[in-house]
Amino acid sequence: MTESFRKIQIIEGIPVSVHCNAETFRSALKYKAQPDDIFLVVYPKSGTTWMQVILYTLMNDGKPFDTNMAEYFARTPSLELIGERGMKNMHRPCAIKTHLPFNRVPYNENAKYICAVRNPKDLENTPITKGQQPILPSKEKFYVCDITDENQISRIIQENQIKIIIHLAALLEADTVEKINHINCYGTKLLFDIATKQEHMEMIIYASSIMTVFGYLENEPYSSLAKNIQPKQLLKKITINDPSIPSHFNPSFESYSNSKIYGEELARQYSSTETINFKFICARFGWINTTDDVTSDLYDWSDKSFEIYFVSSNNDYCWVDIDNFQQNLDYMPQDGAKWKTT
């Protein structure tokens, strides 16, 4: 039985977000726990990610979680988001995070279970009231909208005479294939269609992803990087001119990768249209943390009508070429991890 409320739905007697896929959620409940499973059972907003990083670090002899993000995601799955089928593709041993009630978590007498609890009073999320500071400065405008709503998007762009769009809206690889395709592909095309018809528009910066080339990590000589093994010889770095190869880790990863490849190709097609006279910049982001400082004058982003950049740290195992990013924007990463020497 599934009942829908304003912000939650009830699936098999458990209240969950309305964005949760009912079929995948029911599949998660049917998952057969394995003897080497480690379950991290935490109420939402109670330190799940914090505990997830700690567990991953412990399982990897103290190595930082961000030295290999593909492996990190593969070994810290969210049970409710990928379901029983997705769990079969996970790298083991893995720390399985879940927001299920503890008595509904799949059980195996040899598996390990960690339950983190937070004071419920700290979870209260009240709206902004008199005397509190607004999220944005008063001169800024903030809209809640649906990227697939053509009329709403068009009205916002026209009324505000928006010149530059930084397109970040997307569903990640943890969602369903259908939802990823709808938002990331259809939504992106709709936004590009609307923007390219506006005479005042100057540039679209499209948030692509390094996952457009994650397929390279599935084969030698790059597959050793996915295993956090230092290559014996210097690798040829993947450039923006090399063909895109999506991840085949699981259907959702592949769908997400392909959605970003699709967005880049759309931008390329629009930029080659004679009647369209503004820039398309595709930024293939790696992993961005809240403490990272990636800034640049937007009007200095290349003189070309179309450009792709890899936006990544310049670490020892950087396998993508960031030279054009450094040359065109005069940007040099401020940090970079190093291979451990023994």
C-alpha atoms as a PDB file:
ATOM      1  CA  MET A   1       0.000   0.000   0.000  1.00  0.00           C
ATOM      2  CA  THR A   2       1.267   3.461  -0.936  1.00  0.00           C
ATOM      3  CA  GLU A   3      -0.358   6.627   0.425  1.00  0.00           C
ATOM      4  CA  SER A   4       0.738  10.097  -0.691  1.00  0.00           C
ATOM      5  CA  PHE A   5       0.922  13.160   1.574  1.00  0.00           C
ATOM      6  CA  ARG A   6       2.256  16.635   0.950  1.00  0.00           C
ATOM      7  CA  LYS A   7       5.922  15.808   1.569  1.00  0.00           C
ATOM      8  CA  ILE A   8       5.962  12.121   2.454  1.00  0.00           C
ATOM      9  CA  GLN A   9       4.463   8.881   1.285  1.00  0.00           C
ATOM     10  CA  ILE A  10       3.847   5.686   3.215  1.00  0.00           C
ATOM     11  CA  ILE A  11       5.389   2.569   1.671  1.00  0.00           C
ATOM     12  CA  GLU A  12       4.903  -0.747   3.454  1.00  0.00           C
ATOM     13  CA  GLY A  13       4.039   1.183   6.615  1.00  0.00           C
ATOM     14  CA  ILE A  14       7.206   3.319   6.521  1.00  0.00           C
ATOM     15  CA  PRO A  15       7.062   7.114   5.951  1.00  0.00           C
ATOM     16  CA  VAL A  16       9.517   8.174   3.240  1.00  0.00           C
ATOM     17  CA  SER A  17      10.095  11.148   0.944  1.00  0.00           C
ATOM     18  CA  VAL A  18       7.720  11.607  -1.987  1.00  0.00           C
ATOM     19  CA  HIS A  19      10.817  11.487  -4.214  1.00  0.00           C
ATOM     20  CA  CYS A  20      11.566   7.911  -3.185  1.00  0.00           C
ATOM     21  CA  ASN A  21      10.843   5.301  -5.855  1.00  0.00           C
ATOM     22  CA  ALA A  22       8.307   2.872  -4.361  1.00  0.00           C
ATOM     23  CA  GLU A  23       9.460  -0.116  -6.419  1.00  0.00           C
ATOM     24  CA  THR A  24      13.126   0.375  -5.499  1.00  0.00           C
ATOM     25  CA  PHE A  25      12.209   0.931  -1.845  1.00  0.00           C
ATOM     26  CA  ARG A  26      10.245  -2.324  -1.676  1.00  0.00           C
ATOM     27  CA  SER A  27      13.175  -4.069  -3.345  1.00  0.00           C
ATOM     28  CA  ALA A  28      15.464  -2.721  -0.608  1.00  0.00           C
ATOM     29  CA  LEU A  29      13.245  -4.287   2.046  1.00  0.00           C
ATOM     30  CA  LYS A  30      13.680  -7.666   0.321  1.00  0.00           C
ATOM     31  CA  TYR A  31      17.479  -7.490   0.238  1.00  0.00           C
ATOM     32  CA  LYS A  32      19.138 -10.547   1.820  1.00  0.00           C
ATOM     33  CA  ALA A  33      21.867  -9.308   4.130  1.00  0.00           C
ATOM     34  CA  GLN A  34      25.300 -10.886   3.579  1.00  0.00           C
ATOM     35  CA  PRO A  35      27.681 -12.036   6.330  1.00  0.00           C
ATOM     36  CA  ASP A  36      30.260  -9.340   5.427  1.00  0.00           C
ATOM     37  CA  ASP A  37      27.744  -6.478   5.293  1.00  0.00           C
ATOM     38  CA  ILE A  38      28.153  -3.468   7.562  1.00  0.00           C
ATOM     39  CA  PHE A  39      24.904  -1.558   8.036  1.00  0.00           C
ATOM     40  CA  LEU A  40      24.896   2.086   9.078  1.00  0.00           C
ATOM     41  CA  VAL A  41      21.398   2.764  10.415  1.00  0.00           C
ATOM     42  CA  VAL A  42      20.773   6.464  11.021  1.00  0.00           C
ATOM     43  CA  TYR A  43      17.722   8.739  11.154  1.00  0.00           C
ATOM     44  CA  PRO A  44      17.834  11.433   8.391  1.00  0.00           C
ATOM     45  CA  LYS A  45      19.950  14.513   9.164  1.00  0.00           C
ATOM     46  CA  SER A  46      21.639  12.773  12.078  1.00  0.00           C
ATOM     47  CA  GLY A  47      25.223  12.332  10.895  1.00  0.00           C
ATOM     48  CA  THR A  48      24.851   9.694   8.177  1.00  0.00           C
ATOM     49  CA  THR A  49      27.528  11.133   5.876  1.00  0.00           C
ATOM     50  CA  TRP A  50      29.883  11.781   8.779  1.00  0.00           C
ATOM     51  CA  MET A  51      29.647   8.157   9.928  1.00  0.00           C
ATOM     52  CA  GLN A  52      29.841   6.952   6.331  1.00  0.00           C
ATOM     53  CA  VAL A  53      33.211   8.672   5.829  1.00  0.00           C
ATOM     54  CA  ILE A  54      34.545   7.334   9.143  1.00  0.00           C
ATOM     55  CA  LEU A  55      33.582   3.752   8.257  1.00  0.00           C
ATOM     56  CA  TYR A  56      35.054   3.981   4.770  1.00  0.00           C
ATOM     57  CA  THR A  57      38.303   5.368   6.163  1.00  0.00           C
ATOM     58  CA  LEU A  58      38.525   2.540   8.707  1.00  0.00           C
ATOM     59  CA  MET A  59      37.946  -0.052   5.975  1.00  0.00           C
ATOM     60  CA  ASN A  60      40.767   1.444   3.907  1.00  0.00           C
ATOM     61  CA  ASP A  61      43.552   1.640   6.473  1.00  0.00           C
ATOM     62  CA  GLY A  62      43.079   5.350   7.069  1.00  0.00           C
ATOM     63  CA  LYS A  63      43.137   6.451   3.416  1.00  0.00           C
ATOM     64  CA  PRO A  64      41.056   9.597   2.806  1.00  0.00           C
ATOM     65  CA  PHE A  65      37.664   8.959   1.231  1.00  0.00           C
ATOM     66  CA  ASP A  66      38.232  11.524  -1.535  1.00  0.00           C
ATOM     67  CA  THR A  67      41.327   9.835  -2.966  1.00  0.00           C
ATOM     68  CA  ASN A  68      39.062   7.629  -5.076  1.00  0.00           C
ATOM     69  CA  MET A  69      35.489   8.860  -5.316  1.00  0.00           C
ATOM     70  CA  ALA A  70      34.310   6.053  -7.614  1.00  0.00           C
ATOM     71  CA  GLU A  71      35.395   3.440  -5.083  1.00  0.00           C
ATOM     72  CA  TYR A  72      33.956   5.516  -2.233  1.00  0.00           C
ATOM     73  CA  PHE A  73      30.482   5.565  -3.799  1.00  0.00           C
ATOM     74  CA  ALA A  74      30.746   1.890  -4.765  1.00  0.00           C
ATOM     75  CA  ARG A  75      31.444   0.876  -1.160  1.00  0.00           C
ATOM     76  CA  THR A  76      29.009   3.204   0.632  1.00  0.00           C
ATOM     77  CA  PRO A  77      25.680   2.514  -1.084  1.00  0.00           C
ATOM     78  CA  SER A  78      22.292   3.802   0.047  1.00  0.00           C
ATOM     79  CA  LEU A  79      20.053   0.753   0.351  1.00  0.00           C
ATOM     80  CA  GLU A  80      16.772   2.574  -0.299  1.00  0.00           C
ATOM     81  CA  LEU A  81      18.109   4.337  -3.406  1.00  0.00           C
ATOM     82  CA  ILE A  82      19.582   1.368  -5.263  1.00  0.00           C
ATOM     83  CA  GLY A  83      17.472  -1.531  -3.968  1.00  0.00           C
ATOM     84  CA  GLU A  84      18.243  -5.238  -4.035  1.00  0.00           C
ATOM     85  CA  ARG A  85      19.427  -5.250  -7.649  1.00  0.00           C
ATOM     86  CA  GLY A  86      21.881  -2.387  -7.146  1.00  0.00           C
ATOM     87  CA  MET A  87      23.390  -4.056  -4.087  1.00  0.00           C
ATOM     88  CA  LYS A  88      24.596  -6.939  -6.236  1.00  0.00           C
ATOM     89  CA  ASN A  89      26.965  -4.556  -8.067  1.00  0.00           C
ATOM     90  CA  MET A  90      28.540  -3.032  -4.968  1.00  0.00           C
ATOM     91  CA  HIS A  91      32.212  -3.512  -4.105  1.00  0.00           C
ATOM     92  CA  ARG A  92      32.679  -5.531  -0.918  1.00  0.00           C
ATOM     93  CA  PRO A  93      33.068  -5.169   1.940  1.00  0.00           C
ATOM     94  CA  CYS A  94      30.814  -2.131   1.955  1.00  0.00           C
ATOM     95  CA  ALA A  95      29.160   0.161   4.475  1.00  0.00           C
ATOM     96  CA  ILE A  96      25.458   0.164   3.637  1.00  0.00           C
ATOM     97  CA  LYS A  97      23.730   3.325   4.796  1.00  0.00           C
ATOM     98  CA  THR A  98      19.997   3.246   5.453  1.00  0.00           C
ATOM     99  CA  HIS A  99      17.274   5.358   7.043  1.00  0.00           C
ATOM    100  CA  LEU A 100      15.020   2.340   7.576  1.00  0.00           C
ATOM    101  CA  PRO A 101      13.617   1.715  11.054  1.00  0.00           C
ATOM    102  CA  PHE A 102      16.044  -0.600  12.811  1.00  0.00           C
ATOM    103  CA  ASN A 103      13.499  -3.426  12.984  1.00  0.00           C
ATOM    104  CA  ARG A 104      13.043  -3.299   9.184  1.00  0.00           C
ATOM    105  CA  VAL A 105      16.722  -3.454   8.275  1.00  0.00           C
ATOM    106  CA  PRO A 106      17.715  -6.730   6.512  1.00  0.00           C
ATOM    107  CA  TYR A 107      19.278  -9.062   9.076  1.00  0.00           C
ATOM    108  CA  ASN A 108      22.115 -11.552   9.021  1.00  0.00           C
ATOM    109  CA  GLU A 109      23.541 -12.878  12.291  1.00  0.00           C
ATOM    110  CA  ASN A 110      27.094 -12.422  11.005  1.00  0.00           C
ATOM    111  CA  ALA A 111      26.625  -8.920   9.593  1.00  0.00           C
ATOM    112  CA  LYS A 112      27.597  -5.835  11.603  1.00  0.00           C
ATOM    113  CA  TYR A 113      25.138  -3.090  12.539  1.00  0.00           C
ATOM    114  CA  ILE A 114      25.899   0.455  13.653  1.00  0.00           C
ATOM    115  CA  CYS A 115      23.034   2.646  14.827  1.00  0.00           C
ATOM    116  CA  ALA A 116      23.761   6.373  15.242  1.00  0.00           C
ATOM    117  CA  VAL A 117      21.284   8.485  17.241  1.00  0.00           C
ATOM    118  CA  ARG A 118      20.945  12.261  17.492  1.00  0.00           C
ATOM    119  CA  ASN A 119      18.928  14.402  19.894  1.00  0.00           C
ATOM    120  CA  PRO A 120      15.540  14.844  18.170  1.00  0.00           C
ATOM    121  CA  LYS A 121      15.394  18.475  19.295  1.00  0.00           C
ATOM    122  CA  ASP A 122      18.377  19.216  17.038  1.00  0.00           C
ATOM    123  CA  LEU A 123      16.477  17.988  14.001  1.00  0.00           C
ATOM    124  CA  GLU A 124      13.846  20.711  14.050  1.00  0.00           C
ATOM    125  CA  ASN A 125      13.935  22.635  10.768  1.00  0.00           C
ATOM    126  CA  THR A 126      11.949  25.842  11.268  1.00  0.00           C
ATOM    127  CA  PRO A 127      11.406  28.364   8.446  1.00  0.00           C
ATOM    128  CA  ILE A 128      12.970  31.813   8.524  1.00  0.00           C
ATOM    129  CA  THR A 129      11.131  34.035  11.019  1.00  0.00           C
ATOM    130  CA  LYS A 130      11.381  37.646  12.135  1.00  0.00           C
ATOM    131  CA  GLY A 131      14.843  38.457  13.471  1.00  0.00           C
ATOM    132  CA  GLN A 132      16.650  35.707  11.516  1.00  0.00           C
ATOM    133  CA  GLN A 133      18.995  36.433   8.643  1.00  0.00           C
ATOM    134  CA  PRO A 134      17.723  35.560   5.141  1.00  0.00           C
ATOM    135  CA  ILE A 135      19.504  32.852   3.191  1.00  0.00           C
ATOM    136  CA  LEU A 136      20.299  35.246   0.341  1.00  0.00           C
ATOM    137  CA  PRO A 137      21.114  38.988   0.370  1.00  0.00           C
ATOM    138  CA  SER A 138      18.014  41.171  -0.010  1.00  0.00           C
ATOM    139  CA  LYS A 139      19.012  42.300  -3.493  1.00  0.00           C
ATOM    140  CA  GLU A 140      18.943  38.729  -4.759  1.00  0.00           C
ATOM    141  CA  LYS A 141      15.857  36.891  -5.968  1.00  0.00           C
ATOM    142  CA  PHE A 142      15.224  33.249  -5.260  1.00  0.00           C
ATOM    143  CA  TYR A 143      12.707  31.082  -7.122  1.00  0.00           C
ATOM    144  CA  VAL A 144      11.594  27.528  -6.499  1.00  0.00           C
ATOM    145  CA  CYS A 145      10.714  26.069  -9.867  1.00  0.00           C
ATOM    146  CA  ASP A 146      10.608  22.940 -11.987  1.00  0.00           C
ATOM    147  CA  ILE A 147      13.232  22.756 -14.716  1.00  0.00           C
ATOM    148  CA  THR A 148      10.735  20.871 -16.883  1.00  0.00           C
ATOM    149  CA  ASP A 149       8.129  23.668 -16.586  1.00  0.00           C
ATOM    150  CA  GLU A 150       8.629  25.595 -19.831  1.00  0.00           C
ATOM    151  CA  ASN A 151       6.346  28.530 -18.974  1.00  0.00           C
ATOM    152  CA  GLN A 152       7.845  29.080 -15.540  1.00  0.00           C
ATOM    153  CA  ILE A 153      11.477  28.915 -16.698  1.00  0.00           C
ATOM    154  CA  SER A 154      10.778  31.201 -19.653  1.00  0.00           C
ATOM    155  CA  ARG A 155       9.008  33.776 -17.488  1.00  0.00           C
ATOM    156  CA  ILE A 156      11.830  33.898 -14.918  1.00  0.00           C
ATOM    157  CA  ILE A 157      14.512  34.379 -17.598  1.00  0.00           C
ATOM    158  CA  GLN A 158      12.559  37.070 -19.444  1.00  0.00           C
ATOM    159  CA  GLU A 159      11.315  39.051 -16.437  1.00  0.00           C
ATOM    160  CA  ASN A 160      14.794  39.232 -14.909  1.00  0.00           C
ATOM    161  CA  GLN A 161      16.642  39.699 -18.199  1.00  0.00           C
ATOM    162  CA  ILE A 162      19.068  36.965 -17.166  1.00  0.00           C
ATOM    163  CA  LYS A 163      22.277  37.080 -19.196  1.00  0.00           C
ATOM    164  CA  ILE A 164      24.218  34.159 -17.746  1.00  0.00           C
ATOM    165  CA  ILE A 165      22.788  30.800 -16.713  1.00  0.00           C
ATOM    166  CA  ILE A 166      24.799  28.399 -14.565  1.00  0.00           C
ATOM    167  CA  HIS A 167      22.942  25.141 -15.119  1.00  0.00           C
ATOM    168  CA  LEU A 168      23.436  22.925 -12.053  1.00  0.00           C
ATOM    169  CA  ALA A 169      20.015  21.250 -11.898  1.00  0.00           C
ATOM    170  CA  ALA A 170      20.325  17.466 -12.138  1.00  0.00           C
ATOM    171  CA  LEU A 171      19.502  14.179 -10.493  1.00  0.00           C
ATOM    172  CA  LEU A 172      22.508  12.148  -9.410  1.00  0.00           C
ATOM    173  CA  GLU A 173      23.491   8.562 -10.142  1.00  0.00           C
ATOM    174  CA  ALA A 174      21.638   7.268  -7.088  1.00  0.00           C
ATOM    175  CA  ASP A 175      18.240   7.971  -8.665  1.00  0.00           C
ATOM    176  CA  THR A 176      16.232   5.880 -11.129  1.00  0.00           C
ATOM    177  CA  VAL A 177      17.034   5.777 -14.834  1.00  0.00           C
ATOM    178  CA  GLU A 178      13.623   7.214 -15.740  1.00  0.00           C
ATOM    179  CA  LYS A 179      13.949  10.205 -13.396  1.00  0.00           C
ATOM    180  CA  ILE A 180      17.542  10.902 -14.468  1.00  0.00           C
ATOM    181  CA  ASN A 181      16.571  10.935 -18.139  1.00  0.00           C
ATOM    182  CA  HIS A 182      13.565  13.166 -17.516  1.00  0.00           C
ATOM    183  CA  ILE A 183      15.346  15.841 -15.472  1.00  0.00           C
ATOM    184  CA  ASN A 184      18.891  15.686 -16.831  1.00  0.00           C
ATOM    185  CA  CYS A 185      18.049  15.223 -20.517  1.00  0.00           C
ATOM    186  CA  TYR A 186      14.566  16.593 -21.140  1.00  0.00           C
ATOM    187  CA  GLY A 187      15.006  19.390 -18.588  1.00  0.00           C
ATOM    188  CA  THR A 188      18.366  20.433 -20.043  1.00  0.00           C
ATOM    189  CA  LYS A 189      17.031  20.499 -23.605  1.00  0.00           C
ATOM    190  CA  LEU A 190      14.049  22.562 -22.496  1.00  0.00           C
ATOM    191  CA  LEU A 191      16.318  25.081 -20.727  1.00  0.00           C
ATOM    192  CA  PHE A 192      18.655  25.354 -23.735  1.00  0.00           C
ATOM    193  CA  ASP A 193      15.694  25.794 -26.101  1.00  0.00           C
ATOM    194  CA  ILE A 194      14.312  28.659 -24.021  1.00  0.00           C
ATOM    195  CA  ALA A 195      17.660  30.367 -23.403  1.00  0.00           C
ATOM    196  CA  THR A 196      18.775  30.324 -27.031  1.00  0.00           C
ATOM    197  CA  LYS A 197      15.660  32.258 -28.048  1.00  0.00           C
ATOM    198  CA  GLN A 198      16.494  35.192 -25.750  1.00  0.00           C
ATOM    199  CA  GLU A 199      18.347  38.090 -27.398  1.00  0.00           C
ATOM    200  CA  HIS A 200      19.811  39.286 -24.105  1.00  0.00           C
ATOM    201  CA  MET A 201      21.449  35.947 -23.238  1.00  0.00           C
ATOM    202  CA  GLU A 202      25.270  35.860 -23.254  1.00  0.00           C
ATOM    203  CA  MET A 203      26.397  32.519 -21.850  1.00  0.00           C
ATOM    204  CA  ILE A 204      25.350  29.170 -20.409  1.00  0.00           C
ATOM    205  CA  ILE A 205      27.727  27.353 -18.069  1.00  0.00           C
ATOM    206  CA  TYR A 206      26.646  23.731 -18.031  1.00  0.00           C
ATOM    207  CA  ALA A 207      27.664  21.627 -15.041  1.00  0.00           C
ATOM    208  CA  SER A 208      28.804  18.441 -16.698  1.00  0.00           C
ATOM    209  CA  SER A 209      30.741  15.724 -14.900  1.00  0.00           C
ATOM    210  CA  ILE A 210      33.967  13.769 -15.001  1.00  0.00           C
ATOM    211  CA  MET A 211      31.652  10.752 -15.209  1.00  0.00           C
ATOM    212  CA  THR A 212      31.406  11.451 -18.948  1.00  0.00           C
ATOM    213  CA  VAL A 213      34.723   9.581 -19.139  1.00  0.00           C
ATOM    214  CA  PHE A 214      34.366   7.187 -16.190  1.00  0.00           C
ATOM    215  CA  GLY A 215      34.224   4.293 -18.651  1.00  0.00           C
ATOM    216  CA  TYR A 216      37.990   4.587 -19.064  1.00  0.00           C
ATOM    217  CA  LEU A 217      38.399   3.505 -15.436  1.00  0.00           C
ATOM    218  CA  GLU A 218      36.876   0.123 -16.291  1.00  0.00           C
ATOM    219  CA  ASN A 219      39.814  -0.863 -18.504  1.00  0.00           C
ATOM    220  CA  GLU A 220      43.587  -0.854 -18.293  1.00  0.00           C
ATOM    221  CA  PRO A 221      45.703   1.106 -17.867  1.00  0.00           C
ATOM    222  CA  TYR A 222      43.239   3.304 -15.956  1.00  0.00           C
ATOM    223  CA  SER A 223      41.434   0.585 -13.999  1.00  0.00           C
ATOM    224  CA  SER A 224      44.248   0.458 -11.446  1.00  0.00           C
ATOM    225  CA  LEU A 225      43.251   3.983 -10.378  1.00  0.00           C
ATOM    226  CA  ALA A 226      39.750   2.761  -9.524  1.00  0.00           C
ATOM    227  CA  LYS A 227      41.413   0.234  -7.195  1.00  0.00           C
ATOM    228  CA  ASN A 228      43.593   2.967  -5.668  1.00  0.00           C
ATOM    229  CA  ILE A 229      46.737   1.329  -7.063  1.00  0.00           C
ATOM    230  CA  GLN A 230      49.527   3.542  -8.335  1.00  0.00           C
ATOM    231  CA  PRO A 231      50.241   2.806 -12.037  1.00  0.00           C
ATOM    232  CA  LYS A 232      53.700   1.473 -12.819  1.00  0.00           C
ATOM    233  CA  GLN A 233      54.113   3.907 -15.691  1.00  0.00           C
ATOM    234  CA  LEU A 234      52.916   7.423 -16.478  1.00  0.00           C
ATOM    235  CA  LEU A 235      49.387   7.402 -17.867  1.00  0.00           C
ATOM    236  CA  LYS A 236      48.267   9.311 -20.933  1.00  0.00           C
ATOM    237  CA  LYS A 237      45.777  11.826 -19.604  1.00  0.00           C
ATOM    238  CA  ILE A 238      42.274  11.885 -21.057  1.00  0.00           C
ATOM    239  CA  THR A 239      41.696  15.174 -22.897  1.00  0.00           C
ATOM    240  CA  ILE A 240      38.554  17.007 -23.957  1.00  0.00           C
ATOM    241  CA  ASN A 241      39.226  15.700 -27.482  1.00  0.00           C
ATOM    242  CA  ASP A 242      39.082  12.042 -26.457  1.00  0.00           C
ATOM    243  CA  PRO A 243      35.732  10.285 -26.950  1.00  0.00           C
ATOM    244  CA  SER A 244      33.333  10.234 -24.030  1.00  0.00           C
ATOM    245  CA  ILE A 245      32.851   6.801 -22.464  1.00  0.00           C
ATOM    246  CA  PRO A 246      30.123   6.496 -19.805  1.00  0.00           C
ATOM    247  CA  SER A 247      30.339   4.470 -16.632  1.00  0.00           C
ATOM    248  CA  HIS A 248      28.804   0.992 -16.843  1.00  0.00           C
ATOM    249  CA  PHE A 249      28.906   0.401 -13.097  1.00  0.00           C
ATOM    250  CA  ASN A 250      25.123   0.030 -12.903  1.00  0.00           C
ATOM    251  CA  PRO A 251      22.121   1.301 -14.944  1.00  0.00           C
ATOM    252  CA  SER A 252      21.768   4.515 -12.908  1.00  0.00           C
ATOM    253  CA  PHE A 253      25.485   5.361 -13.140  1.00  0.00           C
ATOM    254  CA  GLU A 254      25.364   4.748 -16.891  1.00  0.00           C
ATOM    255  CA  SER A 255      22.213   6.845 -17.267  1.00  0.00           C
ATOM    256  CA  TYR A 256      23.737   9.733 -15.316  1.00  0.00           C
ATOM    257  CA  SER A 257      26.957   9.580 -17.362  1.00  0.00           C
ATOM    258  CA  ASN A 258      25.019   9.512 -20.627  1.00  0.00           C
ATOM    259  CA  SER A 259      22.818  12.406 -19.515  1.00  0.00           C
ATOM    260  CA  LYS A 260      25.909  14.589 -19.094  1.00  0.00           C
ATOM    261  CA  ILE A 261      27.304  13.444 -22.450  1.00  0.00           C
ATOM    262  CA  TYR A 262      23.930  14.344 -23.969  1.00  0.00           C
ATOM    263  CA  GLY A 263      24.022  17.817 -22.374  1.00  0.00           C
ATOM    264  CA  GLU A 264      27.481  18.498 -23.798  1.00  0.00           C
ATOM    265  CA  GLU A 265      26.408  17.391 -27.263  1.00  0.00           C
ATOM    266  CA  LEU A 266      23.333  19.631 -27.064  1.00  0.00           C
ATOM    267  CA  ALA A 267      25.553  22.583 -26.162  1.00  0.00           C
ATOM    268  CA  ARG A 268      27.862  21.775 -29.065  1.00  0.00           C
ATOM    269  CA  GLN A 269      24.943  21.655 -31.515  1.00  0.00           C
ATOM    270  CA  TYR A 270      23.440  24.943 -30.322  1.00  0.00           C
ATOM    271  CA  SER A 271      26.812  26.719 -30.397  1.00  0.00           C
ATOM    272  CA  SER A 272      27.271  25.772 -34.048  1.00  0.00           C
ATOM    273  CA  THR A 273      23.956  27.370 -35.029  1.00  0.00           C
ATOM    274  CA  GLU A 274      24.552  30.650 -36.876  1.00  0.00           C
ATOM    275  CA  THR A 275      21.565  32.417 -35.328  1.00  0.00           C
ATOM    276  CA  ILE A 276      22.817  31.774 -31.775  1.00  0.00           C
ATOM    277  CA  ASN A 277      25.465  34.218 -30.638  1.00  0.00           C
ATOM    278  CA  PHE A 278      26.561  33.352 -27.109  1.00  0.00           C
ATOM    279  CA  LYS A 279      28.900  30.974 -25.314  1.00  0.00           C
ATOM    280  CA  PHE A 280      28.383  27.458 -24.048  1.00  0.00           C
ATOM    281  CA  ILE A 281      30.858  26.320 -21.382  1.00  0.00           C
ATOM    282  CA  CYS A 282      30.765  22.692 -20.209  1.00  0.00           C
ATOM    283  CA  ALA A 283      32.558  22.206 -16.884  1.00  0.00           C
ATOM    284  CA  ARG A 284      33.318  18.551 -16.155  1.00  0.00           C
ATOM    285  CA  PHE A 285      33.446  18.707 -12.381  1.00  0.00           C
ATOM    286  CA  GLY A 286      35.282  16.122 -10.351  1.00  0.00           C
ATOM    287  CA  TRP A 287      34.576  16.375  -6.618  1.00  0.00           C
ATOM    288  CA  ILE A 288      33.817  19.784  -5.099  1.00  0.00           C
ATOM    289  CA  ASN A 289      33.902  20.299  -1.333  1.00  0.00           C
ATOM    290  CA  THR A 290      32.324  23.185   0.558  1.00  0.00           C
ATOM    291  CA  THR A 291      35.771  24.488   1.463  1.00  0.00           C
ATOM    292  CA  ASP A 292      36.985  24.612  -2.153  1.00  0.00           C
ATOM    293  CA  ASP A 293      37.455  28.045  -3.701  1.00  0.00           C
ATOM    294  CA  VAL A 294      36.905  27.843  -7.467  1.00  0.00           C
ATOM    295  CA  THR A 295      36.381  31.376  -8.752  1.00  0.00           C
ATOM    296  CA  SER A 296      36.868  33.127 -12.070  1.00  0.00           C
ATOM    297  CA  ASP A 297      35.532  36.186 -13.859  1.00  0.00           C
ATOM    298  CA  LEU A 298      32.718  34.713 -15.948  1.00  0.00           C
ATOM    299  CA  TYR A 299      33.482  36.991 -18.862  1.00  0.00           C
ATOM    300  CA  ASP A 300      36.986  35.564 -19.124  1.00  0.00           C
ATOM    301  CA  TRP A 301      35.731  32.057 -19.850  1.00  0.00           C
ATOM    302  CA  SER A 302      37.294  31.596 -23.297  1.00  0.00           C
ATOM    303  CA  ASP A 303      36.505  33.501 -26.493  1.00  0.00           C
ATOM    304  CA  LYS A 304      35.180  30.374 -28.180  1.00  0.00           C
ATOM    305  CA  SER A 305      31.459  29.783 -28.605  1.00  0.00           C
ATOM    306  CA  PHE A 306      31.863  26.274 -27.165  1.00  0.00           C
ATOM    307  CA  GLU A 307      34.402  24.847 -24.743  1.00  0.00           C
ATOM    308  CA  ILE A 308      34.787  21.904 -22.374  1.00  0.00           C
ATOM    309  CA  TYR A 309      36.912  22.011 -19.224  1.00  0.00           C
ATOM    310  CA  PHE A 310      37.926  19.353 -16.721  1.00  0.00           C
ATOM    311  CA  VAL A 311      37.592  20.992 -13.290  1.00  0.00           C
ATOM    312  CA  SER A 312      39.725  18.891 -10.972  1.00  0.00           C
ATOM    313  CA  SER A 313      42.535  18.990  -8.445  1.00  0.00           C
ATOM    314  CA  ASN A 314      46.007  18.589  -9.890  1.00  0.00           C
ATOM    315  CA  ASN A 315      46.882  15.545  -7.778  1.00  0.00           C
ATOM    316  CA  ASP A 316      49.355  12.764  -8.490  1.00  0.00           C
ATOM    317  CA  TYR A 317      46.683  10.469  -9.867  1.00  0.00           C
ATOM    318  CA  CYS A 318      44.849  13.087 -11.923  1.00  0.00           C
ATOM    319  CA  TRP A 319      44.054  11.132 -15.080  1.00  0.00           C
ATOM    320  CA  VAL A 320      42.352  13.941 -17.018  1.00  0.00           C
ATOM    321  CA  ASP A 321      44.048  16.856 -18.746  1.00  0.00           C
ATOM    322  CA  ILE A 322      43.304  20.240 -17.114  1.00  0.00           C
ATOM    323  CA  ASP A 323      45.770  22.244 -19.237  1.00  0.00           C
ATOM    324  CA  ASN A 324      43.129  24.218 -21.149  1.00  0.00           C
ATOM    325  CA  PHE A 325      41.463  25.098 -17.853  1.00  0.00           C
ATOM    326  CA  GLN A 326      44.742  26.518 -16.586  1.00  0.00           C
ATOM    327  CA  GLN A 327      45.623  28.304 -19.827  1.00  0.00           C
ATOM    328  CA  ASN A 328      42.251  29.864 -20.665  1.00  0.00           C
ATOM    329  CA  LEU A 329      41.243  30.836 -17.135  1.00  0.00           C
ATOM    330  CA  ASP A 330      44.673  31.229 -15.560  1.00  0.00           C
ATOM    331  CA  TYR A 331      43.500  28.892 -12.815  1.00  0.00           C
ATOM    332  CA  MET A 332      45.846  26.657 -10.866  1.00  0.00           C
ATOM    333  CA  PRO A 333      44.406  24.176  -8.328  1.00  0.00           C
ATOM    334  CA  GLN A 334      45.531  25.082  -4.838  1.00  0.00           C
ATOM    335  CA  ASP A 335      45.857  21.516  -3.587  1.00  0.00           C
ATOM    336  CA  GLY A 336      46.337  17.969  -4.736  1.00  0.00           C
ATOM    337  CA  ALA A 337      46.727  14.581  -3.079  1.00  0.00           C
ATOM    338  CA  LYS A 338      49.989  12.682  -3.375  1.00  0.00           C
ATOM    339  CA  TRP A 339      50.756   8.995  -3.705  1.00  0.00           C
ATOM    340  CA  LYS A 340      52.021   7.563  -0.446  1.00  0.00           C
ATOM    341  CA  THR A 341      55.679   6.623  -0.569  1.00  0.00           C
ATOM    342  CA  THR A 342      56.865   3.548   1.282  1.00  0.00           C
END
